[in-house]
Amino acid sequence: MTLRKRAFGLSIGVVMGLSVMLLTWILLLRNSPGEIMSKLNSVFLGYSYSWGGGVIGFIWGLIFGFILGVLIVWLYDFFCKMLYKEK
């Protein structure tokens, strides 16, 4: 069985992007100083601990999650072909 790379990548990307955005917004609503979330600006270019930064974090999370998801499926398919060769 092979997985569909784009579908899995998009699924992981949406979950990761929403996680970054919603976590940023929830912490902003709770008036948290956001010390940990503000460190994402060293990884995600343009991210800041703000309402707009949450949207930028969603975009970067989507991209990073998509790449990660495609890599996971590629490795899964590679190992399945290697371990379960048809005879």
N, C-alpha and C. Protein backbone atom coordinates (compact mmCIF):
# COMPACT_ATOMS: atom_id res chain seq x y z
N MET A 1 0.84 -1.18 0.00
CA MET A 1 0.00 0.00 0.00
C MET A 1 0.89 1.25 0.00
N THR A 2 0.59 2.16 -0.86
CA THR A 2 1.33 3.41 -0.87
C THR A 2 0.39 4.53 -0.43
N LEU A 3 0.95 5.46 0.28
CA LEU A 3 0.18 6.62 0.73
C LEU A 3 0.31 7.73 -0.30
N ARG A 4 -0.63 8.61 -0.32
CA ARG A 4 -0.58 9.76 -1.22
C ARG A 4 0.18 10.89 -0.54
N LYS A 5 1.29 11.26 -1.15
CA LYS A 5 2.22 12.22 -0.54
C LYS A 5 1.59 13.59 -0.33
N ARG A 6 0.95 14.11 -1.35
CA ARG A 6 0.39 15.46 -1.24
C ARG A 6 -0.73 15.55 -0.23
N ALA A 7 -1.58 14.54 -0.20
CA ALA A 7 -2.71 14.56 0.74
C ALA A 7 -2.21 14.46 2.18
N PHE A 8 -1.26 13.57 2.42
CA PHE A 8 -0.72 13.43 3.77
C PHE A 8 0.05 14.68 4.17
N GLY A 9 0.85 15.21 3.25
CA GLY A 9 1.61 16.43 3.53
C GLY A 9 0.71 17.61 3.84
N LEU A 10 -0.37 17.73 3.08
CA LEU A 10 -1.32 18.82 3.32
C LEU A 10 -2.02 18.64 4.67
N SER A 11 -2.34 17.41 5.03
CA SER A 11 -2.98 17.15 6.32
C SER A 11 -2.06 17.55 7.48
N ILE A 12 -0.83 17.13 7.42
CA ILE A 12 0.12 17.47 8.48
C ILE A 12 0.38 18.98 8.49
N GLY A 13 0.47 19.58 7.31
CA GLY A 13 0.70 21.01 7.22
C GLY A 13 -0.42 21.84 7.82
N VAL A 14 -1.66 21.46 7.55
CA VAL A 14 -2.80 22.20 8.10
C VAL A 14 -2.83 22.06 9.62
N VAL A 15 -2.60 20.85 10.12
CA VAL A 15 -2.60 20.67 11.57
C VAL A 15 -1.48 21.47 12.23
N MET A 16 -0.30 21.45 11.63
CA MET A 16 0.82 22.19 12.20
C MET A 16 0.59 23.70 12.13
N GLY A 17 0.09 24.17 11.00
CA GLY A 17 -0.17 25.59 10.84
C GLY A 17 -1.24 26.09 11.81
N LEU A 18 -2.33 25.34 11.92
CA LEU A 18 -3.38 25.72 12.86
C LEU A 18 -2.89 25.68 14.30
N SER A 19 -2.02 24.73 14.60
CA SER A 19 -1.48 24.64 15.96
C SER A 19 -0.70 25.89 16.32
N VAL A 20 0.17 26.33 15.42
CA VAL A 20 0.96 27.53 15.70
C VAL A 20 0.06 28.75 15.81
N MET A 21 -0.87 28.90 14.87
CA MET A 21 -1.75 30.07 14.87
C MET A 21 -2.65 30.11 16.11
N LEU A 22 -3.32 28.99 16.39
CA LEU A 22 -4.25 28.99 17.52
C LEU A 22 -3.52 29.11 18.85
N LEU A 23 -2.36 28.49 18.97
CA LEU A 23 -1.60 28.63 20.21
C LEU A 23 -1.17 30.08 20.43
N THR A 24 -0.73 30.73 19.36
CA THR A 24 -0.37 32.14 19.47
C THR A 24 -1.57 32.98 19.90
N TRP A 25 -2.71 32.78 19.25
CA TRP A 25 -3.89 33.58 19.55
C TRP A 25 -4.44 33.30 20.94
N ILE A 26 -4.43 32.04 21.37
CA ILE A 26 -4.92 31.72 22.71
C ILE A 26 -4.04 32.36 23.77
N LEU A 27 -2.73 32.32 23.57
CA LEU A 27 -1.83 32.96 24.53
C LEU A 27 -2.00 34.47 24.55
N LEU A 28 -2.28 35.06 23.39
CA LEU A 28 -2.53 36.50 23.34
C LEU A 28 -3.82 36.85 24.09
N LEU A 29 -4.85 36.02 23.95
CA LEU A 29 -6.11 36.28 24.66
C LEU A 29 -5.93 36.18 26.17
N ARG A 30 -5.02 35.32 26.61
CA ARG A 30 -4.77 35.15 28.04
C ARG A 30 -3.75 36.13 28.59
N ASN A 31 -3.32 37.07 27.75
CA ASN A 31 -2.32 38.08 28.12
C ASN A 31 -1.01 37.46 28.62
N SER A 32 -0.63 36.36 28.00
CA SER A 32 0.63 35.71 28.33
C SER A 32 1.79 36.49 27.70
N PRO A 33 2.95 36.52 28.34
CA PRO A 33 4.07 37.23 27.74
C PRO A 33 4.60 36.56 26.47
N GLY A 34 4.31 35.28 26.26
CA GLY A 34 4.70 34.60 25.03
C GLY A 34 6.18 34.41 24.86
N GLU A 35 6.87 34.12 25.95
CA GLU A 35 8.33 33.99 25.89
C GLU A 35 8.76 32.83 24.99
N ILE A 36 8.04 31.72 25.08
CA ILE A 36 8.43 30.56 24.27
C ILE A 36 7.99 30.73 22.82
N MET A 37 6.78 31.21 22.60
CA MET A 37 6.29 31.37 21.23
C MET A 37 7.09 32.41 20.46
N SER A 38 7.59 33.43 21.13
CA SER A 38 8.35 34.45 20.43
C SER A 38 9.68 33.92 19.91
N LYS A 39 10.12 32.79 20.40
CA LYS A 39 11.36 32.19 19.90
C LYS A 39 11.18 31.58 18.51
N LEU A 40 9.94 31.42 18.07
CA LEU A 40 9.70 30.90 16.72
C LEU A 40 10.19 31.86 15.63
N ASN A 41 10.39 33.12 15.98
CA ASN A 41 10.85 34.06 14.96
C ASN A 41 12.27 33.76 14.49
N SER A 42 13.01 32.93 15.23
CA SER A 42 14.33 32.54 14.75
C SER A 42 14.23 31.41 13.72
N VAL A 43 13.08 30.74 13.64
CA VAL A 43 12.88 29.65 12.68
C VAL A 43 11.96 30.10 11.55
N PHE A 44 10.87 30.79 11.89
CA PHE A 44 9.89 31.24 10.90
C PHE A 44 10.13 32.71 10.59
N LEU A 45 10.62 32.99 9.40
CA LEU A 45 10.92 34.36 8.98
C LEU A 45 9.65 35.20 8.98
N GLY A 46 9.65 36.31 9.68
CA GLY A 46 8.51 37.21 9.72
C GLY A 46 7.53 36.96 10.85
N TYR A 47 7.72 35.84 11.59
CA TYR A 47 6.81 35.54 12.69
C TYR A 47 7.09 36.47 13.86
N SER A 48 6.03 36.91 14.49
CA SER A 48 6.15 37.68 15.73
C SER A 48 5.00 37.25 16.63
N TYR A 49 5.18 37.48 17.89
CA TYR A 49 4.14 37.12 18.85
C TYR A 49 3.05 38.19 18.82
N SER A 50 2.18 38.09 17.82
CA SER A 50 1.10 39.07 17.62
C SER A 50 -0.02 38.39 16.85
N TRP A 51 -1.10 39.12 16.64
CA TRP A 51 -2.23 38.57 15.89
C TRP A 51 -1.82 38.28 14.44
N GLY A 52 -1.14 39.21 13.83
CA GLY A 52 -0.66 38.99 12.46
C GLY A 52 0.42 37.93 12.40
N GLY A 53 1.22 37.86 13.45
CA GLY A 53 2.25 36.83 13.52
C GLY A 53 1.66 35.44 13.57
N GLY A 54 0.47 35.31 14.13
CA GLY A 54 -0.21 34.02 14.14
C GLY A 54 -0.55 33.55 12.74
N VAL A 55 -0.95 34.49 11.89
CA VAL A 55 -1.26 34.15 10.50
C VAL A 55 0.02 33.75 9.76
N ILE A 56 1.09 34.49 9.99
CA ILE A 56 2.37 34.15 9.37
C ILE A 56 2.86 32.80 9.89
N GLY A 57 2.65 32.55 11.17
CA GLY A 57 3.00 31.24 11.73
C GLY A 57 2.19 30.12 11.10
N PHE A 58 0.92 30.39 10.77
CA PHE A 58 0.10 29.39 10.08
C PHE A 58 0.70 29.06 8.72
N ILE A 59 1.10 30.08 7.99
CA ILE A 59 1.67 29.86 6.65
C ILE A 59 2.96 29.05 6.75
N TRP A 60 3.85 29.43 7.66
CA TRP A 60 5.10 28.70 7.83
C TRP A 60 4.86 27.29 8.35
N GLY A 61 3.91 27.13 9.25
CA GLY A 61 3.58 25.79 9.75
C GLY A 61 3.03 24.92 8.65
N LEU A 62 2.22 25.50 7.77
CA LEU A 62 1.67 24.77 6.63
C LEU A 62 2.79 24.29 5.71
N ILE A 63 3.73 25.17 5.41
CA ILE A 63 4.84 24.81 4.52
C ILE A 63 5.72 23.75 5.17
N PHE A 64 6.12 24.00 6.41
CA PHE A 64 7.01 23.07 7.12
C PHE A 64 6.33 21.72 7.32
N GLY A 65 5.05 21.73 7.69
CA GLY A 65 4.31 20.49 7.88
C GLY A 65 4.11 19.72 6.60
N PHE A 66 3.89 20.44 5.48
CA PHE A 66 3.74 19.76 4.20
C PHE A 66 5.02 19.03 3.82
N ILE A 67 6.15 19.71 3.96
CA ILE A 67 7.43 19.08 3.65
C ILE A 67 7.68 17.89 4.57
N LEU A 68 7.40 18.05 5.84
CA LEU A 68 7.58 16.96 6.80
C LEU A 68 6.66 15.78 6.45
N GLY A 69 5.42 16.04 6.11
CA GLY A 69 4.48 14.99 5.76
C GLY A 69 4.90 14.23 4.51
N VAL A 70 5.37 14.94 3.49
CA VAL A 70 5.83 14.28 2.27
C VAL A 70 7.06 13.42 2.58
N LEU A 71 7.95 13.91 3.41
CA LEU A 71 9.14 13.15 3.79
C LEU A 71 8.76 11.88 4.56
N ILE A 72 7.79 11.98 5.45
CA ILE A 72 7.34 10.81 6.21
C ILE A 72 6.75 9.76 5.27
N VAL A 73 5.92 10.17 4.32
CA VAL A 73 5.32 9.22 3.39
C VAL A 73 6.38 8.60 2.49
N TRP A 74 7.33 9.40 2.05
CA TRP A 74 8.40 8.87 1.22
C TRP A 74 9.19 7.80 1.97
N LEU A 75 9.52 8.07 3.22
CA LEU A 75 10.24 7.08 4.03
C LEU A 75 9.38 5.84 4.28
N TYR A 76 8.10 6.03 4.54
CA TYR A 76 7.19 4.92 4.76
C TYR A 76 7.14 4.01 3.53
N ASP A 77 6.96 4.61 2.37
CA ASP A 77 6.91 3.82 1.14
C ASP A 77 8.24 3.12 0.87
N PHE A 78 9.34 3.81 1.13
CA PHE A 78 10.67 3.23 0.93
C PHE A 78 10.87 2.00 1.81
N PHE A 79 10.53 2.12 3.09
CA PHE A 79 10.72 1.00 4.00
C PHE A 79 9.74 -0.14 3.72
N CYS A 80 8.52 0.18 3.29
CA CYS A 80 7.57 -0.88 2.92
C CYS A 80 8.08 -1.67 1.73
N LYS A 81 8.61 -0.99 0.73
CA LYS A 81 9.14 -1.68 -0.43
C LYS A 81 10.37 -2.51 -0.06
N MET A 82 11.18 -2.00 0.85
CA MET A 82 12.38 -2.70 1.25
C MET A 82 12.06 -3.93 2.11
N LEU A 83 11.11 -3.81 3.02
CA LEU A 83 10.83 -4.88 3.96
C LEU A 83 9.85 -5.91 3.43
N TYR A 84 8.92 -5.51 2.59
CA TYR A 84 7.86 -6.40 2.13
C TYR A 84 7.92 -6.60 0.63
N LYS A 85 9.05 -7.10 0.16
CA LYS A 85 9.21 -7.37 -1.26
C LYS A 85 8.33 -8.55 -1.66
N GLU A 86 7.69 -8.42 -2.80
CA GLU A 86 6.87 -9.52 -3.30
C GLU A 86 7.77 -10.55 -3.96
N LYS A 87 7.48 -11.81 -3.68
CA LYS A 87 8.33 -12.88 -4.22
C LYS A 87 7.67 -13.59 -5.36
